[in-house]
Amino acid sequence: MPTDVTPKGNVRQNADTIILRFGGGLRTRASIMDVEDRECVEGQNFDLDLQNFAFRPRKPFDKIGTATNGAEIRGFASLQKADGTISMLVQAGNTVYQWNGSTFTSKGTVSATAQLRGRLSHNWELDDVVIITDLNLQEQVYQWNGSTLSTVTFTKNDGSTSWTGEFRAKYCTIDAERVMFSNVNDNSTHYPHLIVGSKRGSYTIISNDQRPSSSLSEEDAFFLVQPDLRPINGFVGAFNKVVTSSRSGATFQLNGASAKDFAFIPLYPRSGATGTEGVVYAGNDVYYGRQGRIESLAATQKFGDVETNDLSEDINDTIETYTDWTAVYNERTQKVYWMPTGKNQLWVLHKSLLGLGISPWSKWVTADAVNMDFTAMMNCLDPQDGLEYVFAGDENGNLYKIEGTTNGGDNTTAVKTERLSKLFTFKTSAEVFDFEGWILFQQKDVTATITIRFEYNGDSIFNEEITETLSGVEAAAYFSGEAYFSGGKYFGKAVSGRLTRRNWGIAGRSNEFQIRLTVDSKNDFEVAELGVRFSAST
């Protein structure tokens, strides 16, 4: 006779019921039996939120324009002046354009192989300029004041002696009223291990012959050599400190308060990031991509080279062969985007979920022709609405906004959103059958179709699936007074956003199963929960 058999590990369940929620991310490393109930063992393109446990798609990316010359997008600069005025530059090939949200206006020419970066952290508010460096060291340091793009005229030490030749730098950060440059090229000689710090209060006065010492004044310009003599490939300001990384080397912290006492403090060997943009400051920590993993500097400082500093421990079996990362943080959305070179993916770290015991990771892929193979990616303030977004470009001059509009797909291409649950298993020799269930979803103003597939394991290995329509709100005329007329239409307030329950049944008989949910659509959707009832026997 039938016997009630309880699945192991699900938070909300009775003897014959499973209720599935979706608040966690990808955990690919653990056994499919051991992941948390809210996590998934496979999946893509879903969004995560600290207080919303629904199955929801990520926002699609929008193509917002194409550079006039149609050349490869290679760089960006973002300026916010003291009065709040915002402007943005986009480098396409050899031309630097101002992008105002709708049109491209040429502002200068540079080498077509340059990779300009004028980050928000490069904004020098005393003079209302953003300082622009070149990751490829083809161009000298530039500045943008919202109307004019020009090279920076540097002077030495006291400001009275002109700098000889061109000064170029890969990286720049602003800390303690100084601009600091690293991995520099001085008068055609490359010094990849060098840091050059400006005079306090003046970003144009720099030094190549004054090491920090007690003989200098606190305001003086200075230079320092990274102790391991390796090329600097990461350079960010954080916690009133400056953090550097060296290629295939170590991570260092620049300690001190002035030109009298600046010095490097090593963290631990072979901790350096990979790539040229693999180090990012994320508000309360510095994250960096290494070979096969993504780590936290704060944890490294406390514990050294141990697994607790590995932010990617939930997914590192999937990314263990990835060697080169581009990292971008959007402070507004609390997301860190990690683009591995040549993998046609974005791995998204939802920072708000860190420390909660569930995976904070989602993988983003696309069916659009750009295939997540962006030639440049950086966070900027949008010149139209003033909000922070991550912008990206491709080899054909197309400009994208990664956090795009809700409906419409990736540049009109449908986004396939998917999650595969943990394995639900039952007592020895038990089988479950007579599956029926429900899906609880929030009505939107659009319609999407979801596929529910039971992937049976155990004694019988097969798949069964059904499809359900996540219906939208019917179009209707609206008058007033919240009165009903006919046809199920409201003449008054709209009713979108309400939860709708849809019942279903599915064939199958087995002693273990997983549930895969797939929505391949341009439209928004939100599934609050999936419930399953069944009979069981031994």
Protein backbone atom coordinates (compact mmCIF):
# COMPACT_ATOMS: atom_id res chain seq x y z
CA MET A 1 0.00 0.00 0.00
CA PRO A 2 1.13 3.63 -0.50
CA THR A 3 3.46 5.00 2.18
CA ASP A 4 4.30 8.65 2.86
CA VAL A 5 7.97 9.20 2.09
CA THR A 6 9.72 12.47 2.89
CA PRO A 7 12.33 13.92 0.49
CA LYS A 8 15.57 14.90 2.15
CA GLY A 9 16.78 18.47 2.47
CA ASN A 10 13.96 20.66 1.23
CA VAL A 11 13.01 23.49 3.58
CA ARG A 12 9.30 23.67 2.80
CA GLN A 13 7.91 20.16 2.45
CA ASN A 14 5.44 17.68 3.84
CA ALA A 15 5.50 13.93 3.35
CA ASP A 16 3.94 14.26 -0.10
CA THR A 17 4.74 17.84 -1.11
CA ILE A 18 7.74 19.86 -2.29
CA ILE A 19 7.61 23.65 -2.58
CA LEU A 20 10.52 25.02 -4.58
CA ARG A 21 11.85 28.59 -4.15
CA PHE A 22 14.69 30.22 -6.07
CA GLY A 23 16.70 32.70 -3.98
CA GLY A 24 20.18 31.21 -4.48
CA GLY A 25 22.60 31.07 -7.36
CA LEU A 26 24.71 28.48 -9.12
CA ARG A 27 26.55 25.86 -7.08
CA THR A 28 28.28 23.61 -9.60
CA ARG A 29 31.04 22.24 -7.40
CA ALA A 30 28.97 20.38 -4.80
CA SER A 31 27.15 17.12 -5.37
CA ILE A 32 23.69 17.61 -6.87
CA MET A 33 22.31 16.10 -3.66
CA ASP A 34 24.09 18.53 -1.36
CA VAL A 35 23.35 21.99 -2.74
CA GLU A 36 21.04 24.30 -0.83
CA ASP A 37 17.34 24.14 -1.68
CA ARG A 38 17.23 27.65 -3.13
CA GLU A 39 20.31 27.12 -5.31
CA CYS A 40 20.64 25.43 -8.68
CA VAL A 41 23.16 22.97 -10.09
CA GLU A 42 22.85 24.32 -13.64
CA GLY A 43 21.39 27.52 -14.96
CA GLN A 44 21.83 30.79 -16.78
CA ASN A 45 20.50 34.31 -17.16
CA PHE A 46 18.57 34.51 -13.89
CA ASP A 47 18.66 37.44 -11.50
CA LEU A 48 19.16 37.24 -7.73
CA ASP A 49 18.06 39.54 -4.95
CA LEU A 50 18.56 39.64 -1.20
CA GLN A 51 14.82 39.83 -0.47
CA ASN A 52 13.17 38.38 -3.58
CA PHE A 53 13.34 34.58 -3.94
CA ALA A 54 11.47 34.40 -7.25
CA PHE A 55 12.74 32.88 -10.49
CA ARG A 56 13.31 35.97 -12.61
CA PRO A 57 15.32 36.75 -15.74
CA ARG A 58 18.26 39.13 -15.77
CA LYS A 59 17.66 42.39 -17.52
CA PRO A 60 18.53 42.10 -21.20
CA PHE A 61 21.24 44.30 -22.67
CA ASP A 62 20.35 47.07 -25.12
CA LYS A 63 22.22 48.21 -28.20
CA ILE A 64 21.96 51.95 -27.74
CA GLY A 65 23.97 53.23 -30.69
CA THR A 66 26.68 52.65 -33.28
CA ALA A 67 29.78 54.85 -33.51
CA THR A 68 29.83 57.01 -36.63
CA ASN A 69 32.97 55.35 -37.99
CA GLY A 70 31.75 51.82 -37.20
CA ALA A 71 35.14 50.97 -35.65
CA GLU A 72 35.83 48.74 -32.66
CA ILE A 73 34.81 50.16 -29.28
CA ARG A 74 38.02 50.24 -27.24
CA GLY A 75 37.53 52.64 -24.35
CA PHE A 76 35.40 54.92 -22.21
CA ALA A 77 35.62 57.94 -19.93
CA SER A 78 33.03 59.24 -17.48
CA LEU A 79 33.05 62.69 -15.86
CA GLN A 80 30.81 64.13 -13.18
CA LYS A 81 31.56 67.74 -12.34
CA ALA A 82 31.11 69.36 -8.96
CA ASP A 83 27.86 70.96 -10.15
CA GLY A 84 26.49 67.51 -11.13
CA THR A 85 27.01 67.88 -14.88
CA ILE A 86 27.71 64.49 -16.50
CA SER A 87 29.49 63.69 -19.75
CA MET A 88 30.80 60.51 -21.33
CA LEU A 89 33.41 59.64 -23.95
CA VAL A 90 33.58 56.53 -26.15
CA GLN A 91 36.70 55.51 -28.08
CA ALA A 92 35.89 53.80 -31.39
CA GLY A 93 39.04 52.89 -33.31
CA ASN A 94 41.10 56.06 -33.69
CA THR A 95 38.28 58.47 -32.82
CA VAL A 96 37.13 59.63 -29.41
CA TYR A 97 33.45 60.58 -29.39
CA GLN A 98 31.29 62.31 -26.85
CA TRP A 99 28.16 60.24 -26.33
CA ASN A 100 25.19 62.24 -25.05
CA GLY A 101 22.78 59.31 -24.91
CA SER A 102 21.66 59.57 -28.51
CA THR A 103 24.44 60.91 -30.77
CA PHE A 104 28.20 60.60 -31.25
CA THR A 105 30.24 63.80 -31.59
CA SER A 106 33.94 63.58 -32.44
CA LYS A 107 36.25 65.16 -29.85
CA GLY A 108 39.69 63.98 -30.98
CA THR A 109 41.80 61.27 -32.53
CA VAL A 110 44.15 58.74 -30.94
CA SER A 111 45.99 55.60 -31.95
CA ALA A 112 43.52 52.96 -33.15
CA THR A 113 45.25 50.44 -30.87
CA ALA A 114 44.86 52.55 -27.71
CA GLN A 115 42.54 51.38 -24.91
CA LEU A 116 41.48 54.54 -23.09
CA ARG A 117 40.12 54.39 -19.54
CA GLY A 118 38.76 57.42 -17.73
CA ARG A 119 37.04 55.81 -14.76
CA LEU A 120 34.80 57.42 -12.17
CA SER A 121 37.69 56.90 -9.76
CA HIS A 122 39.82 59.08 -12.09
CA ASN A 123 37.63 62.15 -11.57
CA TRP A 124 39.74 65.04 -10.21
CA GLU A 125 37.05 67.24 -8.75
CA LEU A 126 39.30 70.17 -7.86
CA ASP A 127 39.57 70.99 -11.58
CA ASP A 128 36.46 69.19 -12.85
CA VAL A 129 38.35 66.83 -15.15
CA VAL A 130 38.60 63.10 -15.61
CA ILE A 131 42.13 61.79 -16.12
CA ILE A 132 42.39 59.26 -18.95
CA THR A 133 45.06 56.56 -19.17
CA ASP A 134 45.74 53.95 -21.86
CA LEU A 135 45.86 50.23 -21.05
CA ASN A 136 47.90 49.68 -24.22
CA LEU A 137 50.35 52.59 -23.57
CA GLN A 138 49.90 53.96 -27.09
CA GLU A 139 48.79 57.41 -25.94
CA GLN A 140 50.00 59.82 -23.32
CA VAL A 141 47.79 60.76 -20.39
CA TYR A 142 44.72 62.80 -21.43
CA GLN A 143 42.14 64.88 -19.60
CA TRP A 144 38.51 65.65 -20.41
CA ASN A 145 36.68 68.65 -18.94
CA GLY A 146 33.27 68.06 -20.50
CA SER A 147 34.02 69.96 -23.71
CA THR A 148 37.69 69.52 -24.63
CA LEU A 149 39.90 66.44 -24.81
CA SER A 150 43.56 67.34 -24.35
CA THR A 151 46.86 65.87 -23.21
CA VAL A 152 48.00 66.64 -19.69
CA THR A 153 50.99 68.97 -19.50
CA PHE A 154 53.20 67.60 -16.73
CA THR A 155 55.92 69.37 -14.82
CA LYS A 156 58.53 68.01 -12.41
CA ASN A 157 58.77 68.30 -8.65
CA ASP A 158 58.19 71.98 -7.90
CA GLY A 159 56.17 72.68 -11.04
CA SER A 160 58.74 74.96 -12.65
CA THR A 161 60.50 72.41 -14.86
CA SER A 162 58.71 70.96 -17.87
CA TRP A 163 58.52 67.21 -18.24
CA THR A 164 60.82 65.84 -20.93
CA GLY A 165 59.03 63.76 -23.56
CA GLU A 166 55.67 62.04 -23.27
CA PHE A 167 54.33 60.47 -20.10
CA ARG A 168 52.01 57.48 -20.47
CA ALA A 169 50.38 55.22 -17.91
CA LYS A 170 48.20 52.11 -17.87
CA TYR A 171 46.59 52.77 -14.51
CA CYS A 172 45.60 55.68 -12.33
CA THR A 173 43.93 56.20 -8.99
CA ILE A 174 43.25 59.20 -6.77
CA ASP A 175 44.02 58.97 -3.08
CA ALA A 176 44.83 61.52 -0.34
CA GLU A 177 44.65 64.50 -2.73
CA ARG A 178 47.10 62.90 -5.17
CA VAL A 179 46.93 61.19 -8.50
CA MET A 180 49.04 58.06 -8.65
CA PHE A 181 50.01 56.45 -11.95
CA SER A 182 51.39 52.94 -12.40
CA ASN A 183 52.90 50.79 -15.15
CA VAL A 184 54.20 53.86 -16.93
CA ASN A 185 56.06 54.82 -20.09
CA ASP A 186 58.36 57.81 -19.66
CA ASN A 187 59.81 59.34 -22.80
CA SER A 188 59.50 56.05 -24.77
CA THR A 189 60.98 53.90 -21.98
CA HIS A 190 58.62 51.41 -20.36
CA TYR A 191 58.67 51.00 -16.57
CA PRO A 192 55.97 48.37 -15.91
CA HIS A 193 56.88 48.03 -12.22
CA LEU A 194 56.87 51.78 -11.42
CA ILE A 195 54.41 53.96 -9.48
CA VAL A 196 54.53 57.72 -9.95
CA GLY A 197 52.70 59.91 -7.45
CA SER A 198 51.78 63.55 -8.03
CA LYS A 199 52.26 66.43 -5.65
CA ARG A 200 49.45 66.73 -3.15
CA GLY A 201 46.76 68.97 -4.59
CA SER A 202 48.15 69.00 -8.15
CA TYR A 203 47.83 66.11 -10.57
CA THR A 204 50.18 67.71 -13.12
CA ILE A 205 53.32 67.82 -10.92
CA ILE A 206 55.05 64.41 -10.85
CA SER A 207 58.50 63.00 -10.13
CA ASN A 208 60.80 60.30 -11.52
CA ASP A 209 63.73 60.99 -9.18
CA GLN A 210 62.30 61.35 -5.66
CA ARG A 211 61.74 58.22 -3.61
CA PRO A 212 59.75 58.68 -0.39
CA SER A 213 62.09 59.72 2.42
CA SER A 214 62.20 61.88 5.52
CA SER A 215 64.03 64.56 3.52
CA LEU A 216 60.97 65.24 1.37
CA SER A 217 58.04 67.40 2.38
CA GLU A 218 54.69 65.71 2.96
CA GLU A 219 53.27 67.31 -0.21
CA ASP A 220 56.09 66.30 -2.59
CA ALA A 221 55.70 64.19 -5.70
CA PHE A 222 57.44 60.80 -5.57
CA PHE A 223 58.03 57.48 -7.31
CA LEU A 224 58.20 53.89 -6.02
CA VAL A 225 59.27 50.56 -7.46
CA GLN A 226 57.00 47.56 -6.87
CA PRO A 227 59.13 45.17 -4.75
CA ASP A 228 58.82 42.06 -6.93
CA LEU A 229 59.81 44.08 -10.04
CA ARG A 230 57.00 42.49 -12.04
CA PRO A 231 54.59 44.39 -14.32
CA ILE A 232 51.74 46.03 -12.43
CA ASN A 233 48.38 44.75 -13.72
CA GLY A 234 46.03 46.03 -11.05
CA PHE A 235 45.89 49.37 -9.25
CA VAL A 236 42.96 50.58 -7.16
CA GLY A 237 42.30 52.90 -4.25
CA ALA A 238 40.46 51.35 -1.29
CA PHE A 239 40.15 51.85 2.49
CA ASN A 240 42.30 55.00 2.26
CA LYS A 241 45.03 52.76 0.86
CA VAL A 242 46.25 51.89 -2.61
CA VAL A 243 46.33 48.21 -3.62
CA THR A 244 48.49 46.91 -6.45
CA SER A 245 48.80 43.57 -8.20
CA SER A 246 51.65 42.25 -10.31
CA ARG A 247 51.33 39.85 -13.20
CA SER A 248 52.07 36.29 -12.04
CA GLY A 249 53.41 37.88 -8.87
CA ALA A 250 51.96 39.20 -5.63
CA THR A 251 49.46 41.65 -4.21
CA PHE A 252 50.78 44.67 -2.32
CA GLN A 253 49.36 47.46 -0.24
CA LEU A 254 50.82 50.95 -0.39
CA ASN A 255 51.15 52.09 3.19
CA GLY A 256 51.92 55.54 4.58
CA ALA A 257 50.45 59.01 4.56
CA SER A 258 52.85 61.19 2.59
CA ALA A 259 56.03 61.37 0.49
CA LYS A 260 57.94 60.98 3.74
CA ASP A 261 56.81 57.43 4.50
CA PHE A 262 55.05 55.75 1.56
CA ALA A 263 56.12 52.10 1.36
CA PHE A 264 54.84 48.74 0.10
CA ILE A 265 53.49 46.00 2.36
CA PRO A 266 53.35 42.56 0.68
CA LEU A 267 50.29 40.38 1.27
CA TYR A 268 51.18 36.90 0.08
CA PRO A 269 53.19 35.48 -2.86
CA ARG A 270 51.66 34.44 -6.17
CA SER A 271 48.42 36.23 -5.39
CA GLY A 272 48.54 38.58 -8.35
CA ALA A 273 45.57 39.01 -10.67
CA THR A 274 45.48 37.89 -14.29
CA GLY A 275 44.61 40.14 -17.22
CA THR A 276 44.81 43.92 -17.38
CA GLU A 277 41.44 44.67 -15.73
CA GLY A 278 41.10 41.84 -13.25
CA VAL A 279 41.17 43.94 -10.05
CA VAL A 280 38.12 45.89 -8.90
CA TYR A 281 37.16 47.85 -5.80
CA ALA A 282 33.63 46.86 -4.76
CA GLY A 283 32.82 49.34 -2.01
CA ASN A 284 33.92 47.31 1.00
CA ASP A 285 36.52 45.00 -0.50
CA VAL A 286 38.91 44.52 -3.39
CA TYR A 287 38.14 41.52 -5.62
CA TYR A 288 40.57 40.10 -8.13
CA GLY A 289 40.54 37.35 -10.74
CA ARG A 290 43.28 34.74 -10.73
CA GLN A 291 43.80 31.58 -12.71
CA GLY A 292 40.69 29.50 -12.06
CA ARG A 293 39.30 31.58 -9.20
CA ILE A 294 38.09 34.96 -7.98
CA GLU A 295 39.26 36.13 -4.58
CA SER A 296 38.66 38.68 -1.83
CA LEU A 297 41.51 40.88 -0.66
CA ALA A 298 39.95 41.46 2.77
CA ALA A 299 39.89 37.70 3.40
CA THR A 300 43.42 37.35 2.03
CA GLN A 301 44.72 39.95 4.50
CA LYS A 302 43.21 38.02 7.39
CA PHE A 303 43.84 34.43 6.37
CA GLY A 304 46.39 34.30 3.55
CA ASP A 305 46.14 31.77 0.75
CA VAL A 306 43.23 29.67 2.00
CA GLU A 307 39.92 28.66 0.49
CA THR A 308 37.93 31.08 2.64
CA ASN A 309 39.17 33.97 0.50
CA ASP A 310 37.84 32.32 -2.67
CA LEU A 311 34.65 34.08 -3.71
CA SER A 312 34.19 31.57 -6.50
CA GLU A 313 34.35 28.37 -4.42
CA ASP A 314 30.77 27.50 -5.44
CA ILE A 315 31.66 27.51 -9.14
CA ASN A 316 35.41 26.97 -9.35
CA ASP A 317 35.09 23.54 -10.96
CA THR A 318 33.45 25.37 -13.88
CA ILE A 319 35.98 28.22 -14.14
CA GLU A 320 39.16 26.36 -13.13
CA THR A 321 40.69 26.72 -16.62
CA TYR A 322 39.86 30.42 -17.02
CA THR A 323 43.03 32.49 -16.97
CA ASP A 324 42.13 36.07 -17.85
CA TRP A 325 39.39 38.28 -16.37
CA THR A 326 37.85 41.69 -16.93
CA ALA A 327 36.00 42.90 -13.83
CA VAL A 328 33.49 45.76 -13.56
CA TYR A 329 31.48 46.79 -10.50
CA ASN A 330 28.18 48.67 -10.60
CA GLU A 331 27.74 50.29 -7.22
CA ARG A 332 24.08 51.12 -7.91
CA THR A 333 23.03 47.51 -8.56
CA GLN A 334 25.60 45.87 -6.24
CA LYS A 335 26.70 43.53 -9.02
CA VAL A 336 30.25 42.64 -10.06
CA TYR A 337 30.59 41.49 -13.67
CA TRP A 338 33.41 39.09 -14.55
CA MET A 339 34.15 38.52 -18.25
CA PRO A 340 36.59 35.65 -18.92
CA THR A 341 38.52 36.16 -22.14
CA GLY A 342 37.34 34.00 -25.02
CA LYS A 343 34.57 32.18 -23.10
CA ASN A 344 31.49 34.11 -24.35
CA GLN A 345 30.10 34.43 -20.83
CA LEU A 346 29.59 36.92 -18.05
CA TRP A 347 29.76 35.63 -14.50
CA VAL A 348 27.81 37.92 -12.21
CA LEU A 349 28.52 38.17 -8.48
CA HIS A 350 25.50 39.47 -6.56
CA LYS A 351 27.35 41.16 -3.72
CA SER A 352 24.31 41.47 -1.46
CA LEU A 353 24.20 37.66 -1.09
CA LEU A 354 27.77 37.25 0.14
CA GLY A 355 28.06 35.75 3.59
CA LEU A 356 24.54 34.26 3.64
CA GLY A 357 25.59 30.67 3.01
CA ILE A 358 24.09 30.48 -0.48
CA SER A 359 25.74 30.92 -3.84
CA PRO A 360 25.77 34.54 -5.11
CA TRP A 361 26.61 33.57 -8.72
CA SER A 362 24.72 33.68 -11.99
CA LYS A 363 26.05 32.95 -15.47
CA TRP A 364 24.93 35.18 -18.33
CA VAL A 365 25.02 34.06 -21.94
CA THR A 366 23.24 35.31 -25.03
CA ALA A 367 21.99 34.17 -28.43
CA ASP A 368 22.71 37.63 -29.84
CA ALA A 369 25.51 37.91 -32.40
CA VAL A 370 27.79 39.75 -29.96
CA ASN A 371 27.94 36.49 -27.94
CA MET A 372 29.16 38.24 -24.75
CA ASP A 373 32.46 38.91 -26.54
CA PHE A 374 32.80 42.59 -25.67
CA THR A 375 35.87 44.52 -26.76
CA ALA A 376 35.61 46.97 -23.84
CA MET A 377 33.45 47.15 -20.72
CA MET A 378 33.32 49.84 -18.01
CA ASN A 379 30.88 51.42 -15.56
CA CYS A 380 29.88 55.01 -16.42
CA LEU A 381 27.24 57.54 -15.46
CA ASP A 382 24.60 57.79 -18.15
CA PRO A 383 24.56 61.35 -19.54
CA GLN A 384 20.77 61.20 -19.89
CA ASP A 385 19.47 59.97 -16.55
CA GLY A 386 22.64 60.29 -14.45
CA LEU A 387 22.45 56.68 -13.22
CA GLU A 388 25.38 54.30 -13.14
CA TYR A 389 25.34 51.52 -15.73
CA VAL A 390 27.87 49.13 -17.22
CA PHE A 391 28.55 50.00 -20.84
CA ALA A 392 30.22 47.71 -23.37
CA GLY A 393 31.15 47.69 -27.03
CA ASP A 394 31.96 45.33 -29.87
CA GLU A 395 34.25 45.17 -32.90
CA ASN A 396 31.65 46.81 -35.15
CA GLY A 397 31.27 50.03 -33.20
CA ASN A 398 28.08 49.01 -31.42
CA LEU A 399 27.54 50.45 -27.96
CA TYR A 400 25.58 48.44 -25.38
CA LYS A 401 24.08 49.11 -21.99
CA ILE A 402 24.40 45.88 -19.98
CA GLU A 403 21.50 46.73 -17.64
CA GLY A 404 18.93 47.41 -20.34
CA THR A 405 15.16 47.72 -20.59
CA THR A 406 12.98 45.01 -19.09
CA ASN A 407 11.24 43.66 -22.20
CA GLY A 408 12.61 43.27 -25.71
CA GLY A 409 15.45 40.77 -25.30
CA ASP A 410 19.17 41.15 -25.92
CA ASN A 411 19.14 43.63 -28.77
CA THR A 412 15.73 42.08 -29.74
CA THR A 413 17.02 38.48 -29.28
CA ALA A 414 15.18 36.22 -26.84
CA VAL A 415 16.96 35.44 -23.57
CA LYS A 416 16.95 31.81 -22.43
CA THR A 417 16.61 31.72 -18.64
CA GLU A 418 17.06 28.38 -16.93
CA ARG A 419 17.47 26.68 -13.54
CA LEU A 420 17.98 22.99 -12.66
CA SER A 421 17.15 22.10 -9.07
CA LYS A 422 19.02 19.88 -6.64
CA LEU A 423 18.30 16.15 -6.69
CA PHE A 424 15.26 15.23 -4.60
CA THR A 425 15.78 11.72 -3.28
CA PHE A 426 13.61 9.37 -1.23
CA LYS A 427 13.95 6.57 1.24
CA THR A 428 15.47 3.30 0.12
CA SER A 429 13.32 1.38 -2.40
CA ALA A 430 10.65 4.12 -2.44
CA GLU A 431 9.05 5.35 -5.61
CA VAL A 432 6.93 8.44 -6.16
CA PHE A 433 4.22 8.79 -8.80
CA ASP A 434 0.94 10.57 -9.62
CA PHE A 435 2.68 13.93 -9.87
CA GLU A 436 0.55 17.02 -9.83
CA GLY A 437 1.50 20.53 -8.92
CA TRP A 438 1.10 24.24 -9.31
CA ILE A 439 3.06 27.23 -10.41
CA LEU A 440 2.57 30.56 -8.69
CA PHE A 441 3.61 33.54 -10.81
CA GLN A 442 3.19 37.28 -10.85
CA GLN A 443 1.20 38.69 -13.72
CA LYS A 444 3.08 41.11 -15.94
CA ASP A 445 1.87 43.22 -18.82
CA VAL A 446 3.43 40.65 -21.19
CA THR A 447 3.18 36.87 -21.66
CA ALA A 448 5.89 34.21 -21.47
CA THR A 449 5.95 30.41 -21.74
CA ILE A 450 7.73 28.22 -19.19
CA THR A 451 8.81 24.61 -19.70
CA ILE A 452 8.74 22.41 -16.59
CA ARG A 453 10.84 19.29 -17.10
CA PHE A 454 11.17 16.45 -14.61
CA GLU A 455 14.54 14.76 -15.05
CA TYR A 456 14.09 11.37 -13.39
CA ASN A 457 17.08 9.61 -11.84
CA GLY A 458 17.51 6.38 -9.92
CA ASP A 459 16.06 3.11 -11.26
CA SER A 460 14.45 4.82 -14.26
CA ILE A 461 16.30 7.59 -16.12
CA PHE A 462 14.08 9.61 -18.46
CA ASN A 463 12.54 13.06 -18.91
CA GLU A 464 8.97 14.31 -18.92
CA GLU A 465 7.99 17.91 -19.55
CA ILE A 466 5.04 20.22 -19.90
CA THR A 467 4.66 23.87 -20.83
CA GLU A 468 2.61 26.53 -19.09
CA THR A 469 1.74 30.05 -20.18
CA LEU A 470 2.62 32.81 -17.75
CA SER A 471 -0.17 35.02 -18.96
CA GLY A 472 -0.08 38.77 -18.96
CA VAL A 473 -2.82 41.22 -18.09
CA GLU A 474 -5.43 41.57 -20.81
CA ALA A 475 -5.61 44.89 -22.61
CA ALA A 476 -8.65 46.87 -21.55
CA ALA A 477 -10.03 50.36 -21.59
CA TYR A 478 -9.94 52.19 -18.28
CA PHE A 479 -12.56 54.62 -17.09
CA SER A 480 -12.98 55.37 -13.41
CA GLY A 481 -14.68 54.27 -10.24
CA GLU A 482 -13.20 50.77 -10.20
CA ALA A 483 -16.42 49.33 -11.63
CA TYR A 484 -16.73 45.96 -13.40
CA PHE A 485 -18.49 45.84 -16.77
CA SER A 486 -18.05 42.57 -18.69
CA GLY A 487 -15.54 40.15 -20.17
CA GLY A 488 -13.44 40.04 -17.04
CA LYS A 489 -12.11 43.53 -17.63
CA TYR A 490 -11.68 46.20 -15.00
CA PHE A 491 -12.73 49.75 -15.79
CA GLY A 492 -10.59 51.46 -13.21
CA LYS A 493 -7.33 50.40 -11.61
CA ALA A 494 -4.95 48.03 -13.38
CA VAL A 495 -4.53 44.55 -11.86
CA SER A 496 -1.01 43.65 -13.04
CA GLY A 497 1.39 42.38 -10.40
CA ARG A 498 -1.06 40.02 -8.72
CA LEU A 499 -0.06 36.40 -8.07
CA THR A 500 -1.72 33.80 -10.27
CA ARG A 501 -1.82 30.05 -9.59
CA ARG A 502 -1.83 27.49 -12.42
CA ASN A 503 -2.30 23.76 -11.74
CA TRP A 504 -0.71 21.02 -13.83
CA GLY A 505 0.05 17.28 -13.90
CA ILE A 506 2.90 15.26 -15.33
CA ALA A 507 3.65 11.56 -15.97
CA GLY A 508 6.46 9.63 -14.34
CA ARG A 509 7.47 7.19 -11.64
CA SER A 510 10.90 7.17 -10.00
CA ASN A 511 12.79 7.39 -6.73
CA GLU A 512 14.87 10.54 -7.51
CA PHE A 513 14.26 13.53 -9.70
CA GLN A 514 15.37 17.06 -10.52
CA ILE A 515 13.22 19.89 -11.87
CA ARG A 516 14.41 22.07 -14.74
CA LEU A 517 12.61 25.35 -15.47
CA THR A 518 13.23 27.08 -18.80
CA VAL A 519 11.84 30.31 -20.24
CA ASP A 520 13.09 31.36 -23.68
CA SER A 521 11.53 34.76 -24.26
CA LYS A 522 12.03 38.47 -24.85
CA ASN A 523 9.54 39.21 -22.10
CA ASP A 524 9.76 39.66 -18.36
CA PHE A 525 8.38 37.05 -15.94
CA GLU A 526 8.44 36.21 -12.24
CA VAL A 527 7.75 32.77 -10.77
CA ALA A 528 7.23 32.92 -7.01
CA GLU A 529 7.20 29.17 -6.39
CA LEU A 530 6.70 25.75 -7.92
CA GLY A 531 4.79 23.16 -5.90
CA VAL A 532 4.71 19.40 -6.44
CA ARG A 533 2.42 16.82 -4.83
CA PHE A 534 2.83 13.09 -5.33
CA SER A 535 2.05 9.64 -4.01
CA ALA A 536 4.74 7.30 -2.78
CA SER A 537 5.12 3.58 -2.14
CA THR A 538 7.81 1.19 -0.97
